[in-house]
């Protein structure tokens, strides 16, 4: 843990895309066992934050710490350390089967029994994936592809799961089901950092939240307090 009890801590992080600054010195942390959500409008820097944590983007300034140790390492090393990322847009391998996609999630692991156990766990969470085990992932519906993206991320047996817009483009019933699964994943011990356009839903399952605006964190509080905050209601909750 870091000095203030965070499992994962982001300190003064600045990220640029060419000449455009996407993150402007943001700082926040996540404690073990929490669901923490980042909310904000499109372009606020939420997905950029997840990409920086998972090593896909190199920060210009600041640091990312896991248990007080720097995460300035390549993406596959970040996965080895126990951080897994289900990206926005799912990014599944559409020409591979459901099984092959899930196996790729475990590509750094050598414990065959553990891999088998985790695949069974994914099928418990998402029975539909078991039904479509041998199907090419590209033939799945949008909701099933989202299940597969989360399942693949879980196959690395992460301590921290980064979820980027899991409800994007899904029907309301499926969204509800996905969020129930996120709660279940967390209840079984996985810490979750959730980026979600549907702020109302995200805050209802999260312990704490951070509000992002144009690359900065402008507000942080318990999820319960953010749900009741009048400014947050007006800007993000349709209140």
C-alpha atoms as a PDB file:
ATOM      1  CA  UNK A   1       0.000   0.000   0.000  1.00  0.00           C
ATOM      2  CA  UNK A   2       1.029   3.599  -0.499  1.00  0.00           C
ATOM      3  CA  UNK A   3       1.464   5.859   2.539  1.00  0.00           C
ATOM      4  CA  UNK A   4      -2.224   6.872   2.472  1.00  0.00           C
ATOM      5  CA  UNK A   5      -3.543   3.323   2.180  1.00  0.00           C
ATOM      6  CA  UNK A   6      -4.048   3.242  -1.600  1.00  0.00           C
ATOM      7  CA  UNK A   7      -3.497   0.041  -3.535  1.00  0.00           C
ATOM      8  CA  UNK A   8      -3.180   2.112  -6.717  1.00  0.00           C
ATOM      9  CA  UNK A   9      -2.245   5.787  -6.718  1.00  0.00           C
ATOM     10  CA  UNK A  10      -2.007   8.293  -9.563  1.00  0.00           C
ATOM     11  CA  UNK A  11       0.087  11.370  -8.731  1.00  0.00           C
ATOM     12  CA  UNK A  12       0.227  14.616 -10.738  1.00  0.00           C
ATOM     13  CA  UNK A  13      -0.291  12.750 -14.016  1.00  0.00           C
ATOM     14  CA  UNK A  14       0.030  14.683 -17.278  1.00  0.00           C
ATOM     15  CA  UNK A  15      -0.493  13.017 -20.663  1.00  0.00           C
ATOM     16  CA  UNK A  16      -0.252  14.590 -24.124  1.00  0.00           C
ATOM     17  CA  UNK A  17      -1.492  13.516 -27.562  1.00  0.00           C
ATOM     18  CA  UNK A  18       1.025  15.381 -29.716  1.00  0.00           C
ATOM     19  CA  UNK A  19       0.636  19.027 -28.720  1.00  0.00           C
ATOM     20  CA  UNK A  20      -2.718  18.507 -26.969  1.00  0.00           C
ATOM     21  CA  UNK A  21      -2.676  17.979 -23.212  1.00  0.00           C
ATOM     22  CA  UNK A  22      -5.266  15.340 -22.322  1.00  0.00           C
ATOM     23  CA  UNK A  23      -4.494  15.033 -18.582  1.00  0.00           C
ATOM     24  CA  UNK A  24      -3.439  18.075 -16.566  1.00  0.00           C
ATOM     25  CA  UNK A  25      -1.739  16.888 -13.404  1.00  0.00           C
ATOM     26  CA  UNK A  26      -4.453  14.634 -11.995  1.00  0.00           C
ATOM     27  CA  UNK A  27      -4.108  12.790  -8.679  1.00  0.00           C
ATOM     28  CA  UNK A  28      -6.345  10.119  -7.153  1.00  0.00           C
ATOM     29  CA  UNK A  29      -6.205   6.728  -5.496  1.00  0.00           C
ATOM     30  CA  UNK A  30      -8.030   3.424  -5.092  1.00  0.00           C
ATOM     31  CA  UNK A  31      -8.053   1.285  -1.962  1.00  0.00           C
ATOM     32  CA  UNK A  32      -8.097  -2.496  -2.021  1.00  0.00           C
ATOM     33  CA  UNK A  33     -11.615  -3.870  -2.482  1.00  0.00           C
ATOM     34  CA  UNK A  34     -13.199  -0.638  -3.721  1.00  0.00           C
ATOM     35  CA  UNK A  35     -15.181   0.198  -6.818  1.00  0.00           C
ATOM     36  CA  UNK A  36     -14.058   3.697  -7.792  1.00  0.00           C
ATOM     37  CA  UNK A  37     -15.636   5.467 -10.747  1.00  0.00           C
ATOM     38  CA  UNK A  38     -14.416   8.300 -12.969  1.00  0.00           C
ATOM     39  CA  UNK A  39     -17.301  10.307 -14.384  1.00  0.00           C
ATOM     40  CA  UNK A  40     -17.362  13.225 -16.792  1.00  0.00           C
ATOM     41  CA  UNK A  41     -18.300  14.300 -20.295  1.00  0.00           C
ATOM     42  CA  UNK A  42     -16.767  12.853 -23.457  1.00  0.00           C
ATOM     43  CA  UNK A  43     -13.225  14.147 -23.860  1.00  0.00           C
ATOM     44  CA  UNK A  44     -12.729  14.734 -20.124  1.00  0.00           C
ATOM     45  CA  UNK A  45      -9.751  12.339 -20.043  1.00  0.00           C
ATOM     46  CA  UNK A  46     -11.320   9.285 -18.422  1.00  0.00           C
ATOM     47  CA  UNK A  47     -10.256   6.702 -21.026  1.00  0.00           C
ATOM     48  CA  UNK A  48      -6.825   8.362 -21.294  1.00  0.00           C
ATOM     49  CA  UNK A  49      -6.396   7.801 -17.549  1.00  0.00           C
ATOM     50  CA  UNK A  50      -7.090   4.061 -17.898  1.00  0.00           C
ATOM     51  CA  UNK A  51      -4.759   3.797 -20.882  1.00  0.00           C
ATOM     52  CA  UNK A  52      -1.974   5.481 -18.910  1.00  0.00           C
ATOM     53  CA  UNK A  53      -2.471   3.126 -15.939  1.00  0.00           C
ATOM     54  CA  UNK A  54      -2.335   0.039 -18.179  1.00  0.00           C
ATOM     55  CA  UNK A  55       0.868   1.272 -19.846  1.00  0.00           C
ATOM     56  CA  UNK A  56      -0.642   1.971 -23.279  1.00  0.00           C
ATOM     57  CA  UNK A  57       0.174   5.683 -22.977  1.00  0.00           C
ATOM     58  CA  UNK A  58       3.367   7.156 -21.555  1.00  0.00           C
ATOM     59  CA  UNK A  59       2.831  10.095 -19.187  1.00  0.00           C
ATOM     60  CA  UNK A  60       4.877  13.228 -19.715  1.00  0.00           C
ATOM     61  CA  UNK A  61       4.839  13.998 -15.998  1.00  0.00           C
ATOM     62  CA  UNK A  62       3.732  12.368 -12.761  1.00  0.00           C
ATOM     63  CA  UNK A  63       3.682   8.762 -11.638  1.00  0.00           C
ATOM     64  CA  UNK A  64       1.435   5.755 -11.190  1.00  0.00           C
ATOM     65  CA  UNK A  65       2.113   3.632  -8.129  1.00  0.00           C
ATOM     66  CA  UNK A  66       0.964   0.106  -7.303  1.00  0.00           C
ATOM     67  CA  UNK A  67       1.523  -0.601  -3.608  1.00  0.00           C
ATOM     68  CA  UNK A  68       3.990   2.281  -3.621  1.00  0.00           C
ATOM     69  CA  UNK A  69       6.015   0.875  -6.559  1.00  0.00           C
ATOM     70  CA  UNK A  70       6.268   2.727  -9.874  1.00  0.00           C
ATOM     71  CA  UNK A  71       4.290   1.318 -12.815  1.00  0.00           C
ATOM     72  CA  UNK A  72       6.611   2.852 -15.399  1.00  0.00           C
ATOM     73  CA  UNK A  73       6.791  -0.525 -17.162  1.00  0.00           C
ATOM     74  CA  UNK A  74       5.540  -2.042 -20.471  1.00  0.00           C
ATOM     75  CA  UNK A  75       1.845  -3.046 -20.730  1.00  0.00           C
ATOM     76  CA  UNK A  76       2.469  -6.812 -20.440  1.00  0.00           C
ATOM     77  CA  UNK A  77       4.401  -6.181 -17.204  1.00  0.00           C
ATOM     78  CA  UNK A  78       1.441  -4.161 -15.886  1.00  0.00           C
ATOM     79  CA  UNK A  79      -0.772  -7.220 -16.516  1.00  0.00           C
ATOM     80  CA  UNK A  80       1.784  -9.403 -14.682  1.00  0.00           C
ATOM     81  CA  UNK A  81       1.511  -7.061 -11.700  1.00  0.00           C
ATOM     82  CA  UNK A  82      -2.234  -7.753 -11.558  1.00  0.00           C
ATOM     83  CA  UNK A  83      -3.901  -4.930 -13.503  1.00  0.00           C
ATOM     84  CA  UNK A  84      -6.201  -5.882 -16.367  1.00  0.00           C
ATOM     85  CA  UNK A  85      -7.994  -3.563 -18.800  1.00  0.00           C
ATOM     86  CA  UNK A  86     -11.306  -4.157 -20.607  1.00  0.00           C
ATOM     87  CA  UNK A  87     -11.079  -1.290 -23.111  1.00  0.00           C
ATOM     88  CA  UNK A  88     -13.744   0.922 -24.615  1.00  0.00           C
ATOM     89  CA  UNK A  89     -15.139  -0.638 -27.789  1.00  0.00           C
ATOM     90  CA  UNK A  90     -14.395  -4.181 -26.482  1.00  0.00           C
ATOM     91  CA  UNK A  91     -11.414  -4.836 -28.816  1.00  0.00           C
ATOM     92  CA  UNK A  92     -12.085  -8.560 -28.981  1.00  0.00           C
ATOM     93  CA  UNK A  93     -10.465 -10.752 -31.663  1.00  0.00           C
ATOM     94  CA  UNK A  94     -13.454 -11.272 -33.937  1.00  0.00           C
ATOM     95  CA  UNK A  95     -11.860 -14.018 -36.077  1.00  0.00           C
ATOM     96  CA  UNK A  96     -11.054 -16.137 -33.000  1.00  0.00           C
ATOM     97  CA  UNK A  97     -13.521 -18.213 -30.996  1.00  0.00           C
ATOM     98  CA  UNK A  98     -14.874 -17.271 -27.585  1.00  0.00           C
ATOM     99  CA  UNK A  99     -12.582 -19.900 -26.076  1.00  0.00           C
ATOM    100  CA  UNK A 100      -9.506 -18.573 -27.889  1.00  0.00           C
ATOM    101  CA  UNK A 101     -10.263 -14.993 -26.790  1.00  0.00           C
ATOM    102  CA  UNK A 102     -10.521 -16.126 -23.173  1.00  0.00           C
ATOM    103  CA  UNK A 103      -7.316 -18.160 -23.426  1.00  0.00           C
ATOM    104  CA  UNK A 104      -5.507 -15.072 -24.740  1.00  0.00           C
ATOM    105  CA  UNK A 105      -6.520 -13.279 -21.549  1.00  0.00           C
ATOM    106  CA  UNK A 106      -4.441 -15.841 -19.643  1.00  0.00           C
ATOM    107  CA  UNK A 107      -1.441 -15.793 -22.002  1.00  0.00           C
ATOM    108  CA  UNK A 108       1.035 -14.789 -19.258  1.00  0.00           C
ATOM    109  CA  UNK A 109      -0.074 -17.542 -16.891  1.00  0.00           C
ATOM    110  CA  UNK A 110       1.421 -21.013 -16.483  1.00  0.00           C
ATOM    111  CA  UNK A 111      -0.958 -22.430 -13.826  1.00  0.00           C
ATOM    112  CA  UNK A 112      -3.210 -24.693 -15.906  1.00  0.00           C
ATOM    113  CA  UNK A 113      -5.491 -25.616 -13.016  1.00  0.00           C
ATOM    114  CA  UNK A 114      -5.950 -21.954 -12.088  1.00  0.00           C
ATOM    115  CA  UNK A 115      -6.694 -21.006 -15.707  1.00  0.00           C
ATOM    116  CA  UNK A 116      -9.325 -23.730 -15.948  1.00  0.00           C
ATOM    117  CA  UNK A 117     -10.857 -22.572 -12.663  1.00  0.00           C
ATOM    118  CA  UNK A 118     -10.990 -18.955 -13.837  1.00  0.00           C
ATOM    119  CA  UNK A 119     -12.592 -19.956 -17.130  1.00  0.00           C
ATOM    120  CA  UNK A 120     -15.313 -21.758 -15.170  1.00  0.00           C
ATOM    121  CA  UNK A 121     -15.722 -18.609 -13.078  1.00  0.00           C
ATOM    122  CA  UNK A 122     -16.182 -16.529 -16.252  1.00  0.00           C
ATOM    123  CA  UNK A 123     -18.849 -18.996 -17.423  1.00  0.00           C
ATOM    124  CA  UNK A 124     -20.628 -18.706 -14.064  1.00  0.00           C
ATOM    125  CA  UNK A 125     -20.669 -14.920 -14.427  1.00  0.00           C
ATOM    126  CA  UNK A 126     -21.616 -15.056 -18.121  1.00  0.00           C
ATOM    127  CA  UNK A 127     -23.485 -18.313 -18.925  1.00  0.00           C
ATOM    128  CA  UNK A 128     -24.093 -17.063 -22.468  1.00  0.00           C
ATOM    129  CA  UNK A 129     -20.374 -17.294 -23.211  1.00  0.00           C
ATOM    130  CA  UNK A 130     -20.412 -20.964 -22.271  1.00  0.00           C
ATOM    131  CA  UNK A 131     -23.234 -21.528 -24.773  1.00  0.00           C
ATOM    132  CA  UNK A 132     -21.160 -19.817 -27.474  1.00  0.00           C
ATOM    133  CA  UNK A 133     -17.823 -21.359 -26.476  1.00  0.00           C
ATOM    134  CA  UNK A 134     -16.887 -22.485 -30.015  1.00  0.00           C
ATOM    135  CA  UNK A 135     -18.398 -19.547 -31.916  1.00  0.00           C
ATOM    136  CA  UNK A 136     -16.270 -16.903 -33.587  1.00  0.00           C
ATOM    137  CA  UNK A 137     -16.366 -13.807 -31.401  1.00  0.00           C
ATOM    138  CA  UNK A 138     -17.300 -11.635 -34.389  1.00  0.00           C
ATOM    139  CA  UNK A 139     -20.673 -13.418 -34.611  1.00  0.00           C
ATOM    140  CA  UNK A 140     -21.665 -12.458 -31.043  1.00  0.00           C
ATOM    141  CA  UNK A 141     -24.131  -9.686 -30.238  1.00  0.00           C
ATOM    142  CA  UNK A 142     -22.833  -6.408 -28.785  1.00  0.00           C
ATOM    143  CA  UNK A 143     -23.791  -7.468 -25.270  1.00  0.00           C
ATOM    144  CA  UNK A 144     -22.088 -10.841 -25.630  1.00  0.00           C
ATOM    145  CA  UNK A 145     -18.954  -9.149 -26.958  1.00  0.00           C
ATOM    146  CA  UNK A 146     -18.927  -6.911 -23.882  1.00  0.00           C
ATOM    147  CA  UNK A 147     -19.233  -9.990 -21.666  1.00  0.00           C
ATOM    148  CA  UNK A 148     -16.317 -11.521 -23.557  1.00  0.00           C
ATOM    149  CA  UNK A 149     -14.169  -8.394 -23.132  1.00  0.00           C
ATOM    150  CA  UNK A 150     -14.743  -8.436 -19.365  1.00  0.00           C
ATOM    151  CA  UNK A 151     -14.264 -12.221 -19.220  1.00  0.00           C
ATOM    152  CA  UNK A 152     -10.994 -11.991 -21.130  1.00  0.00           C
ATOM    153  CA  UNK A 153      -9.746  -9.309 -18.704  1.00  0.00           C
ATOM    154  CA  UNK A 154     -10.667 -11.565 -15.772  1.00  0.00           C
ATOM    155  CA  UNK A 155      -8.652 -14.460 -17.230  1.00  0.00           C
ATOM    156  CA  UNK A 156      -5.401 -12.802 -16.170  1.00  0.00           C
ATOM    157  CA  UNK A 157      -6.674 -13.135 -12.561  1.00  0.00           C
ATOM    158  CA  UNK A 158      -6.341  -9.399 -11.863  1.00  0.00           C
ATOM    159  CA  UNK A 159      -6.202  -7.672  -8.512  1.00  0.00           C
ATOM    160  CA  UNK A 160      -7.429  -4.486 -10.198  1.00  0.00           C
ATOM    161  CA  UNK A 161      -9.877  -4.478 -13.125  1.00  0.00           C
ATOM    162  CA  UNK A 162     -10.026  -1.371 -15.332  1.00  0.00           C
ATOM    163  CA  UNK A 163     -13.404  -1.141 -17.087  1.00  0.00           C
ATOM    164  CA  UNK A 164     -13.896   1.434 -19.846  1.00  0.00           C
ATOM    165  CA  UNK A 165     -17.534   2.171 -20.799  1.00  0.00           C
ATOM    166  CA  UNK A 166     -18.968  -1.319 -20.219  1.00  0.00           C
ATOM    167  CA  UNK A 167     -22.541  -0.145 -20.947  1.00  0.00           C
ATOM    168  CA  UNK A 168     -21.755   1.547 -24.268  1.00  0.00           C
ATOM    169  CA  UNK A 169     -24.298   0.681 -26.968  1.00  0.00           C
ATOM    170  CA  UNK A 170     -26.125  -1.933 -24.892  1.00  0.00           C
ATOM    171  CA  UNK A 171     -29.858  -2.340 -24.298  1.00  0.00           C
ATOM    172  CA  UNK A 172     -31.018  -1.323 -20.775  1.00  0.00           C
ATOM    173  CA  UNK A 173     -31.656  -4.908 -19.620  1.00  0.00           C
ATOM    174  CA  UNK A 174     -28.158  -5.984 -20.636  1.00  0.00           C
ATOM    175  CA  UNK A 175     -26.652  -2.917 -18.974  1.00  0.00           C
ATOM    176  CA  UNK A 176     -28.353  -3.896 -15.727  1.00  0.00           C
ATOM    177  CA  UNK A 177     -26.998  -7.451 -16.034  1.00  0.00           C
ATOM    178  CA  UNK A 178     -23.439  -6.238 -16.734  1.00  0.00           C
ATOM    179  CA  UNK A 179     -23.515  -3.944 -13.702  1.00  0.00           C
ATOM    180  CA  UNK A 180     -24.760  -6.765 -11.469  1.00  0.00           C
ATOM    181  CA  UNK A 181     -21.763  -8.806 -12.640  1.00  0.00           C
ATOM    182  CA  UNK A 182     -19.373  -5.916 -11.874  1.00  0.00           C
ATOM    183  CA  UNK A 183     -20.745  -5.836  -8.319  1.00  0.00           C
ATOM    184  CA  UNK A 184     -20.273  -9.604  -8.056  1.00  0.00           C
ATOM    185  CA  UNK A 185     -16.689  -9.437  -9.371  1.00  0.00           C
ATOM    186  CA  UNK A 186     -15.937  -6.799  -6.742  1.00  0.00           C
ATOM    187  CA  UNK A 187     -17.661  -8.766  -3.962  1.00  0.00           C
ATOM    188  CA  UNK A 188     -15.339 -11.686  -4.734  1.00  0.00           C
ATOM    189  CA  UNK A 189     -12.280  -9.518  -4.052  1.00  0.00           C
ATOM    190  CA  UNK A 190     -11.335  -7.694  -7.265  1.00  0.00           C
ATOM    191  CA  UNK A 191     -10.774  -3.946  -6.975  1.00  0.00           C
ATOM    192  CA  UNK A 192     -12.475  -2.050  -9.837  1.00  0.00           C
ATOM    193  CA  UNK A 193     -11.759   1.278 -11.533  1.00  0.00           C
ATOM    194  CA  UNK A 194     -14.803   2.064 -13.657  1.00  0.00           C
ATOM    195  CA  UNK A 195     -15.118   4.645 -16.432  1.00  0.00           C
ATOM    196  CA  UNK A 196     -18.752   4.982 -17.411  1.00  0.00           C
ATOM    197  CA  UNK A 197     -20.838   7.482 -19.386  1.00  0.00           C
ATOM    198  CA  UNK A 198     -23.923   6.468 -17.391  1.00  0.00           C
ATOM    199  CA  UNK A 199     -22.887   8.322 -14.233  1.00  0.00           C
ATOM    200  CA  UNK A 200     -26.089   7.450 -12.415  1.00  0.00           C
ATOM    201  CA  UNK A 201     -25.501   3.708 -12.749  1.00  0.00           C
ATOM    202  CA  UNK A 202     -21.784   3.990 -12.011  1.00  0.00           C
ATOM    203  CA  UNK A 203     -22.327   5.931  -8.788  1.00  0.00           C
ATOM    204  CA  UNK A 204     -24.988   3.466  -7.642  1.00  0.00           C
ATOM    205  CA  UNK A 205     -22.488   0.592  -7.561  1.00  0.00           C
ATOM    206  CA  UNK A 206     -19.311   2.532  -6.672  1.00  0.00           C
ATOM    207  CA  UNK A 207     -17.900   3.295  -3.230  1.00  0.00           C
ATOM    208  CA  UNK A 208     -16.270   6.554  -4.298  1.00  0.00           C
ATOM    209  CA  UNK A 209     -16.131   8.747  -7.390  1.00  0.00           C
ATOM    210  CA  UNK A 210     -14.051  11.407  -9.096  1.00  0.00           C
ATOM    211  CA  UNK A 211     -15.519  13.980 -11.481  1.00  0.00           C
ATOM    212  CA  UNK A 212     -13.299  14.858 -14.451  1.00  0.00           C
ATOM    213  CA  UNK A 213     -13.547  17.946 -16.647  1.00  0.00           C
ATOM    214  CA  UNK A 214     -11.159  18.722 -19.522  1.00  0.00           C
ATOM    215  CA  UNK A 215      -8.250  16.725 -18.128  1.00  0.00           C
ATOM    216  CA  UNK A 216      -8.633  17.732 -14.491  1.00  0.00           C
ATOM    217  CA  UNK A 217     -10.323  16.226 -11.443  1.00  0.00           C
ATOM    218  CA  UNK A 218     -12.758  18.849 -10.201  1.00  0.00           C
ATOM    219  CA  UNK A 219     -14.556  16.941  -7.450  1.00  0.00           C
ATOM    220  CA  UNK A 220     -14.149  13.787  -5.386  1.00  0.00           C
ATOM    221  CA  UNK A 221     -16.431  12.290  -2.759  1.00  0.00           C
ATOM    222  CA  UNK A 222     -18.255   9.154  -1.710  1.00  0.00           C
ATOM    223  CA  UNK A 223     -20.537   7.858  -4.458  1.00  0.00           C
ATOM    224  CA  UNK A 224     -23.526   8.469  -2.201  1.00  0.00           C
ATOM    225  CA  UNK A 225     -22.620  12.149  -1.742  1.00  0.00           C
ATOM    226  CA  UNK A 226     -21.941  12.631  -5.460  1.00  0.00           C
ATOM    227  CA  UNK A 227     -25.374  11.191  -6.281  1.00  0.00           C
ATOM    228  CA  UNK A 228     -26.922  13.791  -3.966  1.00  0.00           C
ATOM    229  CA  UNK A 229     -24.721  16.687  -5.158  1.00  0.00           C
ATOM    230  CA  UNK A 230     -26.846  19.283  -7.003  1.00  0.00           C
ATOM    231  CA  UNK A 231     -24.071  20.284  -9.444  1.00  0.00           C
ATOM    232  CA  UNK A 232     -23.371  16.647 -10.306  1.00  0.00           C
ATOM    233  CA  UNK A 233     -27.105  16.024 -10.739  1.00  0.00           C
ATOM    234  CA  UNK A 234     -27.441  18.918 -13.175  1.00  0.00           C
ATOM    235  CA  UNK A 235     -24.330  18.105 -15.188  1.00  0.00           C
ATOM    236  CA  UNK A 236     -24.309  14.303 -15.300  1.00  0.00           C
ATOM    237  CA  UNK A 237     -27.443  12.769 -13.813  1.00  0.00           C
ATOM    238  CA  UNK A 238     -30.135  14.546 -15.797  1.00  0.00           C
ATOM    239  CA  UNK A 239     -31.426  16.254 -12.650  1.00  0.00           C
END
